[in-house]
Amino acid sequence: LGERGHEFGTVTGRPRRCGWFDAVLVRQAAR
């Protein structure tokens, strides 16, 4: 996911940690 998604921070260049979709988190954010 990190390689294919080119997951590096725009500002820092730090590699992003990657994982599966978290529906609980996004539902909470939406509410």
All heavy atoms as atom14 arrays in JSON, in Angstrom:
{
  "sequence": "LGERGHEFGTVTGRPRRCGWFDAVLVRQAAR",
  "atom14_mask": [
    [1, 1, 1, 1, 1, 1, 1, 1, 0, 0, 0, 0, 0, 0],
    [1, 1, 1, 1, 0, 0, 0, 0, 0, 0, 0, 0, 0, 0],
    [1, 1, 1, 1, 1, 1, 1, 1, 1, 0, 0, 0, 0, 0],
    [1, 1, 1, 1, 1, 1, 1, 1, 1, 1, 1, 0, 0, 0],
    [1, 1, 1, 1, 0, 0, 0, 0, 0, 0, 0, 0, 0, 0],
    [1, 1, 1, 1, 1, 1, 1, 1, 1, 1, 0, 0, 0, 0],
    [1, 1, 1, 1, 1, 1, 1, 1, 1, 0, 0, 0, 0, 0],
    [1, 1, 1, 1, 1, 1, 1, 1, 1, 1, 1, 0, 0, 0],
    [1, 1, 1, 1, 0, 0, 0, 0, 0, 0, 0, 0, 0, 0],
    [1, 1, 1, 1, 1, 1, 1, 0, 0, 0, 0, 0, 0, 0],
    [1, 1, 1, 1, 1, 1, 1, 0, 0, 0, 0, 0, 0, 0],
    [1, 1, 1, 1, 1, 1, 1, 0, 0, 0, 0, 0, 0, 0],
    [1, 1, 1, 1, 0, 0, 0, 0, 0, 0, 0, 0, 0, 0],
    [1, 1, 1, 1, 1, 1, 1, 1, 1, 1, 1, 0, 0, 0],
    [1, 1, 1, 1, 1, 1, 1, 0, 0, 0, 0, 0, 0, 0],
    [1, 1, 1, 1, 1, 1, 1, 1, 1, 1, 1, 0, 0, 0],
    [1, 1, 1, 1, 1, 1, 1, 1, 1, 1, 1, 0, 0, 0],
    [1, 1, 1, 1, 1, 1, 0, 0, 0, 0, 0, 0, 0, 0],
    [1, 1, 1, 1, 0, 0, 0, 0, 0, 0, 0, 0, 0, 0],
    [1, 1, 1, 1, 1, 1, 1, 1, 1, 1, 1, 1, 1, 1],
    [1, 1, 1, 1, 1, 1, 1, 1, 1, 1, 1, 0, 0, 0],
    [1, 1, 1, 1, 1, 1, 1, 1, 0, 0, 0, 0, 0, 0],
    [1, 1, 1, 1, 1, 0, 0, 0, 0, 0, 0, 0, 0, 0],
    [1, 1, 1, 1, 1, 1, 1, 0, 0, 0, 0, 0, 0, 0],
    [1, 1, 1, 1, 1, 1, 1, 1, 0, 0, 0, 0, 0, 0],
    [1, 1, 1, 1, 1, 1, 1, 0, 0, 0, 0, 0, 0, 0],
    [1, 1, 1, 1, 1, 1, 1, 1, 1, 1, 1, 0, 0, 0],
    [1, 1, 1, 1, 1, 1, 1, 1, 1, 0, 0, 0, 0, 0],
    [1, 1, 1, 1, 1, 0, 0, 0, 0, 0, 0, 0, 0, 0],
    [1, 1, 1, 1, 1, 0, 0, 0, 0, 0, 0, 0, 0, 0],
    [1, 1, 1, 1, 1, 1, 1, 1, 1, 1, 1, 0, 0, 0]
  ],
  "atom14_positions": [
    [[0.83, -1.2, 0.0], [0.0, 0.0, 0.0], [0.87, 1.26, 0.0], [0.59, 2.21, -0.73], [-0.93, 0.01, 1.22], [-2.01, -1.08, 1.29], [-2.76, -1.01, 2.62], [-2.98, -0.97, 0.12], [0.0, 0.0, 0.0], [0.0, 0.0, 0.0], [0.0, 0.0, 0.0], [0.0, 0.0, 0.0], [0.0, 0.0, 0.0], [0.0, 0.0, 0.0]],
    [[1.93, 1.23, 0.8], [2.81, 2.39, 0.87], [3.54, 2.66, -0.43], [3.65, 3.81, -0.88], [0.0, 0.0, 0.0], [0.0, 0.0, 0.0], [0.0, 0.0, 0.0], [0.0, 0.0, 0.0], [0.0, 0.0, 0.0], [0.0, 0.0, 0.0], [0.0, 0.0, 0.0], [0.0, 0.0, 0.0], [0.0, 0.0, 0.0], [0.0, 0.0, 0.0]],
    [[4.03, 1.58, -1.06], [4.77, 1.73, -2.31], [3.84, 2.14, -3.45], [4.14, 3.07, -4.2], [5.48, 0.42, -2.66], [6.62, 0.09, -1.7], [7.1, -1.34, -1.85], [6.61, -2.04, -2.78], [7.97, -1.78, -1.06], [0.0, 0.0, 0.0], [0.0, 0.0, 0.0], [0.0, 0.0, 0.0], [0.0, 0.0, 0.0], [0.0, 0.0, 0.0]],
    [[2.73, 1.44, -3.56], [1.81, 1.71, -4.66], [1.14, 3.08, -4.51], [0.87, 3.77, -5.49], [0.76, 0.6, -4.72], [0.03, 0.52, -6.02], [-1.01, -0.55, -5.97], [-0.46, -1.89, -6.22], [-1.2, -2.99, -6.18], [-2.48, -2.92, -5.87], [-0.65, -4.16, -6.44], [0.0, 0.0, 0.0], [0.0, 0.0, 0.0], [0.0, 0.0, 0.0]],
    [[0.86, 3.46, -3.28], [0.19, 4.73, -3.02], [1.14, 5.91, -2.88], [0.68, 7.04, -2.64], [0.0, 0.0, 0.0], [0.0, 0.0, 0.0], [0.0, 0.0, 0.0], [0.0, 0.0, 0.0], [0.0, 0.0, 0.0], [0.0, 0.0, 0.0], [0.0, 0.0, 0.0], [0.0, 0.0, 0.0], [0.0, 0.0, 0.0], [0.0, 0.0, 0.0]],
    [[2.46, 5.66, -3.02], [3.47, 6.72, -2.87], [3.25, 7.48, -1.56], [3.12, 8.71, -1.54], [3.44, 7.68, -4.06], [3.59, 7.02, -5.39], [4.77, 6.46, -5.81], [2.69, 6.78, -6.38], [4.6, 5.92, -7.02], [3.35, 6.1, -7.38], [0.0, 0.0, 0.0], [0.0, 0.0, 0.0], [0.0, 0.0, 0.0], [0.0, 0.0, 0.0]],
    [[3.21, 6.74, -0.48], [2.83, 7.29, 0.81], [4.01, 7.9, 1.55], [4.64, 7.3, 2.41], [2.13, 6.21, 1.65], [0.83, 5.67, 1.04], [-0.27, 6.73, 0.94], [-0.08, 7.85, 1.45], [-1.33, 6.43, 0.35], [0.0, 0.0, 0.0], [0.0, 0.0, 0.0], [0.0, 0.0, 0.0], [0.0, 0.0, 0.0], [0.0, 0.0, 0.0]],
    [[4.26, 9.15, 1.19], [5.27, 9.96, 1.86], [4.68, 11.33, 2.13], [3.97, 11.89, 1.29], [6.54, 10.1, 1.02], [7.24, 8.79, 0.75], [6.93, 8.06, -0.38], [8.18, 8.31, 1.64], [7.55, 6.85, -0.62], [8.81, 7.09, 1.41], [8.5, 6.36, 0.28], [0.0, 0.0, 0.0], [0.0, 0.0, 0.0], [0.0, 0.0, 0.0]],
    [[4.91, 11.9, 3.32], [4.36, 13.2, 3.68], [4.82, 14.31, 2.74], [6.01, 14.38, 2.4], [0.0, 0.0, 0.0], [0.0, 0.0, 0.0], [0.0, 0.0, 0.0], [0.0, 0.0, 0.0], [0.0, 0.0, 0.0], [0.0, 0.0, 0.0], [0.0, 0.0, 0.0], [0.0, 0.0, 0.0], [0.0, 0.0, 0.0], [0.0, 0.0, 0.0]],
    [[3.89, 15.16, 2.28], [4.22, 16.25, 1.37], [5.2, 17.22, 2.0], [6.13, 17.71, 1.35], [2.93, 17.0, 0.95], [2.05, 16.1, 0.29], [3.26, 18.15, 0.0], [0.0, 0.0, 0.0], [0.0, 0.0, 0.0], [0.0, 0.0, 0.0], [0.0, 0.0, 0.0], [0.0, 0.0, 0.0], [0.0, 0.0, 0.0], [0.0, 0.0, 0.0]],
    [[5.02, 17.52, 3.27], [5.86, 18.49, 3.97], [7.13, 17.85, 4.5], [8.23, 18.35, 4.31], [5.08, 19.16, 5.13], [6.02, 19.93, 6.05], [4.01, 20.09, 4.58], [0.0, 0.0, 0.0], [0.0, 0.0, 0.0], [0.0, 0.0, 0.0], [0.0, 0.0, 0.0], [0.0, 0.0, 0.0], [0.0, 0.0, 0.0], [0.0, 0.0, 0.0]],
    [[6.98, 16.69, 5.18], [8.11, 16.1, 5.89], [8.9, 15.09, 5.08], [10.08, 14.84, 5.36], [7.62, 15.39, 7.16], [6.75, 14.3, 6.78], [6.85, 16.36, 8.05], [0.0, 0.0, 0.0], [0.0, 0.0, 0.0], [0.0, 0.0, 0.0], [0.0, 0.0, 0.0], [0.0, 0.0, 0.0], [0.0, 0.0, 0.0], [0.0, 0.0, 0.0]],
    [[8.25, 14.46, 4.08], [8.88, 13.38, 3.36], [8.92, 12.07, 4.12], [9.45, 11.06, 3.65], [0.0, 0.0, 0.0], [0.0, 0.0, 0.0], [0.0, 0.0, 0.0], [0.0, 0.0, 0.0], [0.0, 0.0, 0.0], [0.0, 0.0, 0.0], [0.0, 0.0, 0.0], [0.0, 0.0, 0.0], [0.0, 0.0, 0.0], [0.0, 0.0, 0.0]],
    [[8.34, 12.07, 5.34], [8.34, 10.86, 6.16], [7.42, 9.81, 5.56], [6.33, 10.13, 5.07], [7.86, 11.18, 7.59], [8.81, 12.01, 8.4], [8.27, 12.25, 9.81], [7.09, 13.09, 9.82], [6.43, 13.46, 10.92], [6.84, 13.04, 12.1], [5.37, 14.25, 10.85], [0.0, 0.0, 0.0], [0.0, 0.0, 0.0], [0.0, 0.0, 0.0]],
    [[7.84, 8.52, 5.57], [6.94, 7.47, 5.09], [5.71, 7.37, 5.97], [5.8, 7.48, 7.19], [7.79, 6.2, 5.16], [8.9, 6.51, 6.09], [9.14, 7.98, 6.01], [0.0, 0.0, 0.0], [0.0, 0.0, 0.0], [0.0, 0.0, 0.0], [0.0, 0.0, 0.0], [0.0, 0.0, 0.0], [0.0, 0.0, 0.0], [0.0, 0.0, 0.0]],
    [[4.55, 7.21, 5.34], [3.31, 7.07, 6.09], [3.1, 5.63, 6.52], [3.4, 4.7, 5.78], [2.13, 7.54, 5.25], [2.19, 9.0, 4.88], [1.11, 9.39, 3.88], [1.27, 10.78, 3.46], [1.03, 11.22, 2.23], [0.66, 10.37, 1.29], [1.22, 12.49, 1.94], [0.0, 0.0, 0.0], [0.0, 0.0, 0.0], [0.0, 0.0, 0.0]],
    [[2.58, 5.46, 7.72], [2.16, 4.15, 8.18], [0.87, 3.78, 7.45], [0.0, 4.63, 7.26], [1.93, 4.19, 9.71], [3.16, 4.62, 10.47], [2.85, 5.29, 11.8], [2.16, 4.43, 12.73], [1.61, 4.83, 13.86], [1.64, 6.12, 14.22], [0.99, 3.97, 14.65], [0.0, 0.0, 0.0], [0.0, 0.0, 0.0], [0.0, 0.0, 0.0]],
    [[0.71, 2.52, 7.04], [-0.42, 2.12, 6.22], [-1.2, 0.99, 6.88], [-0.63, 0.14, 7.57], [0.05, 1.66, 4.84], [0.88, 2.95, 3.87], [0.0, 0.0, 0.0], [0.0, 0.0, 0.0], [0.0, 0.0, 0.0], [0.0, 0.0, 0.0], [0.0, 0.0, 0.0], [0.0, 0.0, 0.0], [0.0, 0.0, 0.0], [0.0, 0.0, 0.0]],
    [[-2.51, 0.96, 6.63], [-3.35, -0.11, 7.17], [-4.68, -0.19, 6.45], [-4.98, 0.59, 5.54], [0.0, 0.0, 0.0], [0.0, 0.0, 0.0], [0.0, 0.0, 0.0], [0.0, 0.0, 0.0], [0.0, 0.0, 0.0], [0.0, 0.0, 0.0], [0.0, 0.0, 0.0], [0.0, 0.0, 0.0], [0.0, 0.0, 0.0], [0.0, 0.0, 0.0]],
    [[-5.5, -1.13, 6.89], [-6.83, -1.34, 6.29], [-7.76, -0.17, 6.62], [-7.53, 0.57, 7.57], [-7.45, -2.64, 6.8], [-6.74, -3.89, 6.39], [-6.15, -4.8, 7.22], [-6.56, -4.41, 5.06], [-5.61, -5.84, 6.51], [-5.86, -5.63, 5.16], [-6.93, -3.96, 3.8], [-5.51, -6.4, 4.07], [-6.58, -4.73, 2.7], [-5.87, -5.93, 2.83]],
    [[-8.81, -0.06, 5.85], [-9.81, 0.98, 6.08], [-10.46, 0.79, 7.44], [-10.88, -0.32, 7.8], [-10.87, 0.93, 4.98], [-11.84, 2.08, 5.02], [-11.57, 3.26, 4.34], [-13.03, 2.0, 5.73], [-12.45, 4.33, 4.36], [-13.92, 3.07, 5.77], [-13.63, 4.23, 5.08], [0.0, 0.0, 0.0], [0.0, 0.0, 0.0], [0.0, 0.0, 0.0]],
    [[-10.57, 1.88, 8.19], [-11.18, 1.85, 9.52], [-12.52, 2.58, 9.46], [-12.58, 3.81, 9.54], [-10.24, 2.53, 10.54], [-10.67, 2.3, 11.98], [-11.88, 2.1, 12.21], [-9.81, 2.34, 12.89], [0.0, 0.0, 0.0], [0.0, 0.0, 0.0], [0.0, 0.0, 0.0], [0.0, 0.0, 0.0], [0.0, 0.0, 0.0], [0.0, 0.0, 0.0]],
    [[-13.6, 1.8, 9.31], [-14.93, 2.39, 9.18], [-15.4, 3.02, 10.49], [-16.17, 3.98, 10.47], [-15.93, 1.33, 8.72], [0.0, 0.0, 0.0], [0.0, 0.0, 0.0], [0.0, 0.0, 0.0], [0.0, 0.0, 0.0], [0.0, 0.0, 0.0], [0.0, 0.0, 0.0], [0.0, 0.0, 0.0], [0.0, 0.0, 0.0], [0.0, 0.0, 0.0]],
    [[-14.94, 2.5, 11.62], [-15.33, 3.06, 12.92], [-14.8, 4.48, 13.03], [-15.51, 5.42, 13.43], [-14.78, 2.2, 14.07], [-15.2, 2.77, 15.42], [-15.23, 0.75, 13.94], [0.0, 0.0, 0.0], [0.0, 0.0, 0.0], [0.0, 0.0, 0.0], [0.0, 0.0, 0.0], [0.0, 0.0, 0.0], [0.0, 0.0, 0.0], [0.0, 0.0, 0.0]],
    [[-13.56, 4.66, 12.65], [-12.89, 5.96, 12.72], [-13.58, 6.98, 11.82], [-13.88, 8.11, 12.24], [-11.43, 5.79, 12.3], [-10.38, 6.72, 12.87], [-10.15, 6.42, 14.34], [-9.07, 6.52, 12.11], [0.0, 0.0, 0.0], [0.0, 0.0, 0.0], [0.0, 0.0, 0.0], [0.0, 0.0, 0.0], [0.0, 0.0, 0.0], [0.0, 0.0, 0.0]],
    [[-13.85, 6.6, 10.58], [-14.43, 7.53, 9.62], [-15.88, 7.84, 10.0], [-16.33, 8.98, 9.85], [-14.33, 6.96, 8.19], [-14.98, 7.91, 7.19], [-12.87, 6.73, 7.8], [0.0, 0.0, 0.0], [0.0, 0.0, 0.0], [0.0, 0.0, 0.0], [0.0, 0.0, 0.0], [0.0, 0.0, 0.0], [0.0, 0.0, 0.0], [0.0, 0.0, 0.0]],
    [[-16.62, 6.85, 10.48], [-18.0, 7.12, 10.93], [-18.01, 8.14, 12.06], [-18.84, 9.06, 12.1], [-18.67, 5.82, 11.36], [-20.13, 6.03, 11.81], [-20.84, 4.7, 12.07], [-20.25, 3.94, 13.14], [-19.69, 2.74, 12.99], [-19.63, 2.17, 11.8], [-19.18, 2.12, 14.03], [0.0, 0.0, 0.0], [0.0, 0.0, 0.0], [0.0, 0.0, 0.0]],
    [[-17.08, 7.99, 12.99], [-16.95, 8.92, 14.1], [-16.62, 10.33, 13.58], [-17.22, 11.32, 14.02], [-15.85, 8.44, 15.06], [-15.81, 9.15, 16.4], [-15.01, 8.33, 17.43], [-15.09, 7.11, 17.45], [-14.29, 9.0, 18.29], [0.0, 0.0, 0.0], [0.0, 0.0, 0.0], [0.0, 0.0, 0.0], [0.0, 0.0, 0.0], [0.0, 0.0, 0.0]],
    [[-15.7, 10.41, 12.63], [-15.33, 11.7, 12.04], [-16.51, 12.34, 11.32], [-16.72, 13.56, 11.4], [-14.17, 11.51, 11.07], [0.0, 0.0, 0.0], [0.0, 0.0, 0.0], [0.0, 0.0, 0.0], [0.0, 0.0, 0.0], [0.0, 0.0, 0.0], [0.0, 0.0, 0.0], [0.0, 0.0, 0.0], [0.0, 0.0, 0.0], [0.0, 0.0, 0.0]],
    [[-17.29, 11.53, 10.61], [-18.44, 12.05, 9.87], [-19.49, 12.63, 10.81], [-20.08, 13.68, 10.53], [-19.06, 10.94, 9.02], [0.0, 0.0, 0.0], [0.0, 0.0, 0.0], [0.0, 0.0, 0.0], [0.0, 0.0, 0.0], [0.0, 0.0, 0.0], [0.0, 0.0, 0.0], [0.0, 0.0, 0.0], [0.0, 0.0, 0.0], [0.0, 0.0, 0.0]],
    [[-19.7, 11.97, 11.95], [-20.7, 12.45, 12.89], [-20.24, 13.7, 13.62], [-21.0, 14.67, 13.74], [-21.04, 11.35, 13.9], [-21.79, 10.17, 13.29], [-22.22, 9.18, 14.34], [-22.94, 8.05, 13.76], [-23.48, 7.06, 14.47], [-23.35, 7.06, 15.8], [-24.11, 6.07, 13.87], [0.0, 0.0, 0.0], [0.0, 0.0, 0.0], [0.0, 0.0, 0.0]]
  ]
}
